[in-house]
């Protein structure tokens, strides 16, 4: 079985078990995850999340902050530019 076959067989229950194993650093039987096991579990988790969950529920998701772009018509022309202070 290759990695893609394993990903296709992941269920929500298996995903939750992998996630808990990564969070705790050990399997349910108490054995520690090796670095390679942790890496593979995280890859499987992230791949499953991208396929099955909305972006805001993905591991590592950071909500974007609103941003106003330079050159838009809604900027205020009353402010003078401030000089740079070099330290």
N, C-alpha and C. Protein backbone atom coordinates (compact mmCIF):
# COMPACT_ATOMS: atom_id res chain seq x y z
N UNK A 1 0.85 -1.18 0.00
CA UNK A 1 0.00 0.00 0.00
C UNK A 1 0.90 1.24 0.00
N UNK A 2 0.60 2.18 -0.89
CA UNK A 2 1.37 3.42 -0.92
C UNK A 2 0.65 4.50 -0.11
N UNK A 3 1.28 5.65 -0.02
CA UNK A 3 0.75 6.74 0.80
C UNK A 3 -0.61 7.21 0.30
N UNK A 4 -0.79 7.31 -1.02
CA UNK A 4 -2.06 7.76 -1.58
C UNK A 4 -3.18 6.77 -1.27
N UNK A 5 -2.89 5.47 -1.35
CA UNK A 5 -3.90 4.46 -0.99
C UNK A 5 -4.31 4.60 0.47
N UNK A 6 -3.32 4.86 1.33
CA UNK A 6 -3.61 5.04 2.75
C UNK A 6 -4.50 6.26 2.97
N UNK A 7 -4.20 7.36 2.26
CA UNK A 7 -5.01 8.57 2.39
C UNK A 7 -6.45 8.33 1.95
N UNK A 8 -6.62 7.56 0.91
CA UNK A 8 -7.97 7.27 0.42
C UNK A 8 -8.77 6.45 1.42
N UNK A 9 -8.09 5.70 2.29
CA UNK A 9 -8.77 4.87 3.26
C UNK A 9 -8.98 5.54 4.61
N UNK A 10 -8.53 6.78 4.76
CA UNK A 10 -8.69 7.47 6.05
C UNK A 10 -10.15 7.80 6.32
N UNK A 11 -10.58 7.50 7.52
CA UNK A 11 -11.93 7.85 7.97
C UNK A 11 -11.81 8.97 8.99
N UNK A 12 -12.92 9.64 9.32
CA UNK A 12 -12.85 10.67 10.36
C UNK A 12 -12.31 10.13 11.69
N UNK A 13 -12.64 8.88 12.02
CA UNK A 13 -12.15 8.29 13.27
C UNK A 13 -10.63 8.10 13.23
N UNK A 14 -10.12 7.60 12.13
CA UNK A 14 -8.67 7.41 11.99
C UNK A 14 -7.97 8.76 12.02
N UNK A 15 -8.56 9.75 11.34
CA UNK A 15 -7.99 11.10 11.36
C UNK A 15 -7.86 11.61 12.80
N UNK A 16 -8.92 11.45 13.60
CA UNK A 16 -8.90 11.91 14.99
C UNK A 16 -7.82 11.17 15.79
N UNK A 17 -7.64 9.89 15.54
CA UNK A 17 -6.60 9.12 16.25
C UNK A 17 -5.20 9.58 15.85
N UNK A 18 -5.00 9.85 14.57
CA UNK A 18 -3.71 10.37 14.13
C UNK A 18 -3.43 11.73 14.75
N UNK A 19 -4.45 12.56 14.77
CA UNK A 19 -4.30 13.90 15.34
C UNK A 19 -3.93 13.83 16.83
N UNK A 20 -4.60 12.95 17.57
CA UNK A 20 -4.30 12.80 18.99
C UNK A 20 -2.89 12.25 19.19
N UNK A 21 -2.48 11.30 18.35
CA UNK A 21 -1.13 10.74 18.45
C UNK A 21 -0.08 11.83 18.22
N UNK A 22 -0.31 12.69 17.24
CA UNK A 22 0.64 13.78 16.97
C UNK A 22 0.65 14.76 18.15
N UNK A 23 -0.52 15.09 18.67
CA UNK A 23 -0.60 16.04 19.78
C UNK A 23 0.12 15.51 21.02
N UNK A 24 -0.06 14.23 21.33
CA UNK A 24 0.53 13.65 22.53
C UNK A 24 1.95 13.13 22.31
N UNK A 25 2.28 12.85 21.05
CA UNK A 25 3.60 12.30 20.75
C UNK A 25 3.69 10.82 21.02
N UNK A 26 2.55 10.16 21.17
CA UNK A 26 2.57 8.71 21.41
C UNK A 26 1.28 8.07 20.89
N UNK A 27 1.37 6.77 20.65
CA UNK A 27 0.23 5.99 20.18
C UNK A 27 -0.69 5.68 21.35
N UNK A 28 -1.92 5.24 21.09
CA UNK A 28 -2.85 4.92 22.19
C UNK A 28 -2.30 3.88 23.18
N UNK A 29 -1.38 3.00 22.71
CA UNK A 29 -0.80 2.00 23.62
C UNK A 29 0.35 2.56 24.46
N UNK A 30 0.67 3.86 24.27
CA UNK A 30 1.70 4.50 25.07
C UNK A 30 3.07 4.56 24.43
N UNK A 31 3.27 3.87 23.31
CA UNK A 31 4.57 3.91 22.64
C UNK A 31 4.76 5.25 21.96
N UNK A 32 5.98 5.78 22.07
CA UNK A 32 6.29 7.08 21.48
C UNK A 32 6.35 6.99 19.96
N UNK A 33 5.90 8.07 19.31
CA UNK A 33 6.02 8.16 17.86
C UNK A 33 7.47 8.48 17.51
N UNK A 34 7.97 7.86 16.48
CA UNK A 34 9.29 8.24 15.98
C UNK A 34 9.12 9.53 15.19
N UNK A 35 10.21 10.17 14.87
CA UNK A 35 10.15 11.41 14.08
C UNK A 35 9.51 11.13 12.73
N UNK A 36 9.84 9.99 12.12
CA UNK A 36 9.27 9.64 10.83
C UNK A 36 7.77 9.38 10.94
N UNK A 37 7.34 8.70 12.00
CA UNK A 37 5.91 8.45 12.20
C UNK A 37 5.15 9.75 12.40
N UNK A 38 5.71 10.64 13.19
CA UNK A 38 5.05 11.93 13.44
C UNK A 38 4.91 12.71 12.14
N UNK A 39 5.97 12.73 11.32
CA UNK A 39 5.93 13.44 10.05
C UNK A 39 4.86 12.85 9.12
N UNK A 40 4.81 11.54 9.00
CA UNK A 40 3.83 10.89 8.13
C UNK A 40 2.41 11.11 8.64
N UNK A 41 2.23 11.06 9.96
CA UNK A 41 0.90 11.31 10.53
C UNK A 41 0.44 12.74 10.22
N UNK A 42 1.35 13.70 10.37
CA UNK A 42 0.99 15.09 10.08
C UNK A 42 0.66 15.28 8.60
N UNK A 43 1.43 14.64 7.73
CA UNK A 43 1.15 14.74 6.30
C UNK A 43 -0.23 14.16 5.99
N UNK A 44 -0.55 13.02 6.60
CA UNK A 44 -1.85 12.40 6.37
C UNK A 44 -2.98 13.28 6.91
N UNK A 45 -2.77 13.84 8.10
CA UNK A 45 -3.78 14.73 8.69
C UNK A 45 -4.06 15.92 7.79
N UNK A 46 -3.01 16.58 7.35
CA UNK A 46 -3.16 17.79 6.53
C UNK A 46 -3.82 17.46 5.20
N UNK A 47 -3.43 16.35 4.59
CA UNK A 47 -4.04 15.95 3.32
C UNK A 47 -5.53 15.66 3.51
N UNK A 48 -5.87 14.96 4.60
CA UNK A 48 -7.28 14.63 4.88
C UNK A 48 -8.08 15.92 5.13
N UNK A 49 -7.51 16.84 5.89
CA UNK A 49 -8.19 18.11 6.18
C UNK A 49 -8.48 18.88 4.90
N UNK A 50 -7.51 18.95 4.00
CA UNK A 50 -7.70 19.71 2.76
C UNK A 50 -8.77 19.09 1.88
N UNK A 51 -8.95 17.79 2.01
CA UNK A 51 -9.96 17.10 1.21
C UNK A 51 -11.35 17.17 1.86
N UNK A 52 -11.41 17.23 3.20
CA UNK A 52 -12.68 17.03 3.90
C UNK A 52 -13.17 18.17 4.78
N UNK A 53 -12.34 19.17 5.04
CA UNK A 53 -12.72 20.24 5.96
C UNK A 53 -12.62 21.60 5.28
N UNK A 54 -13.42 22.56 5.75
CA UNK A 54 -13.28 23.92 5.23
C UNK A 54 -11.94 24.52 5.68
N UNK A 55 -11.40 25.46 4.93
CA UNK A 55 -10.07 26.01 5.24
C UNK A 55 -9.89 26.48 6.68
N UNK A 56 -10.93 27.09 7.28
CA UNK A 56 -10.76 27.61 8.64
C UNK A 56 -10.61 26.50 9.69
N UNK A 57 -10.81 25.24 9.31
CA UNK A 57 -10.63 24.12 10.24
C UNK A 57 -9.33 23.35 9.97
N UNK A 58 -8.51 23.83 9.03
CA UNK A 58 -7.24 23.16 8.72
C UNK A 58 -6.23 23.42 9.83
N UNK A 59 -5.35 22.45 10.05
CA UNK A 59 -4.26 22.60 11.00
C UNK A 59 -3.40 23.78 10.57
N UNK A 60 -3.10 24.67 11.51
CA UNK A 60 -2.25 25.82 11.23
C UNK A 60 -2.94 26.99 10.58
N UNK A 61 -4.26 26.92 10.44
CA UNK A 61 -5.00 28.01 9.79
C UNK A 61 -4.86 29.30 10.61
N UNK A 62 -4.56 30.38 9.92
CA UNK A 62 -4.51 31.70 10.53
C UNK A 62 -5.50 32.58 9.77
N UNK A 63 -6.44 33.15 10.49
CA UNK A 63 -7.46 33.98 9.85
C UNK A 63 -6.80 35.21 9.25
N UNK A 64 -7.09 35.49 7.98
CA UNK A 64 -6.48 36.67 7.35
C UNK A 64 -7.01 37.96 7.96
N UNK A 65 -6.14 38.94 8.04
CA UNK A 65 -6.54 40.25 8.55
C UNK A 65 -6.96 41.13 7.39
N UNK A 66 -7.93 42.01 7.62
CA UNK A 66 -8.33 42.91 6.53
C UNK A 66 -7.16 43.81 6.13
N UNK A 67 -7.10 44.11 4.87
CA UNK A 67 -5.98 44.90 4.36
C UNK A 67 -6.51 45.92 3.35
N UNK A 68 -6.05 47.14 3.49
CA UNK A 68 -6.38 48.14 2.47
C UNK A 68 -5.16 48.28 1.58
N UNK A 69 -5.40 48.35 0.31
CA UNK A 69 -4.31 48.40 -0.66
C UNK A 69 -3.94 49.84 -0.97
N UNK A 70 -2.71 50.05 -1.26
CA UNK A 70 -2.23 51.38 -1.65
C UNK A 70 -2.89 51.78 -2.97
N UNK A 71 -3.21 53.04 -3.09
CA UNK A 71 -3.76 53.55 -4.32
C UNK A 71 -5.26 53.43 -4.44
N UNK A 72 -5.93 53.01 -3.37
CA UNK A 72 -7.39 52.94 -3.44
C UNK A 72 -7.96 54.33 -3.24
N UNK A 73 -9.19 54.52 -3.64
CA UNK A 73 -9.82 55.83 -3.55
C UNK A 73 -10.27 56.20 -2.14
N UNK A 74 -10.23 55.24 -1.21
CA UNK A 74 -10.75 55.53 0.13
C UNK A 74 -9.66 56.01 1.10
N UNK A 75 -8.46 56.35 0.62
CA UNK A 75 -7.42 56.84 1.53
C UNK A 75 -7.63 58.32 1.83
N UNK A 76 -7.05 58.73 2.93
CA UNK A 76 -7.21 60.11 3.39
C UNK A 76 -6.01 60.93 2.91
N UNK A 77 -6.27 61.97 2.10
CA UNK A 77 -5.20 62.80 1.54
C UNK A 77 -4.72 63.89 2.49
N UNK A 78 -5.28 63.99 3.68
CA UNK A 78 -4.95 65.07 4.60
C UNK A 78 -3.70 64.80 5.43
N UNK A 79 -3.16 63.63 5.36
CA UNK A 79 -1.99 63.29 6.16
C UNK A 79 -0.72 63.49 5.33
N UNK A 80 0.22 64.18 5.93
CA UNK A 80 1.51 64.37 5.30
C UNK A 80 2.35 63.12 5.51
N UNK A 81 3.15 62.74 4.55
CA UNK A 81 4.03 61.58 4.75
C UNK A 81 5.04 61.86 5.86
N UNK A 82 5.31 60.86 6.65
CA UNK A 82 6.27 61.00 7.74
C UNK A 82 7.64 60.54 7.25
N UNK A 83 8.68 61.29 7.62
CA UNK A 83 10.02 60.88 7.19
C UNK A 83 10.45 59.61 7.92
N UNK A 84 11.30 58.83 7.26
CA UNK A 84 11.86 57.63 7.88
C UNK A 84 12.90 58.04 8.92
N UNK A 85 12.95 57.30 9.99
CA UNK A 85 13.98 57.51 11.01
C UNK A 85 14.95 56.34 10.96
N UNK A 86 16.16 56.64 10.56
CA UNK A 86 17.18 55.61 10.47
C UNK A 86 17.89 55.49 11.79
N UNK A 87 18.03 54.27 12.26
CA UNK A 87 18.72 54.03 13.54
C UNK A 87 20.12 53.57 13.34
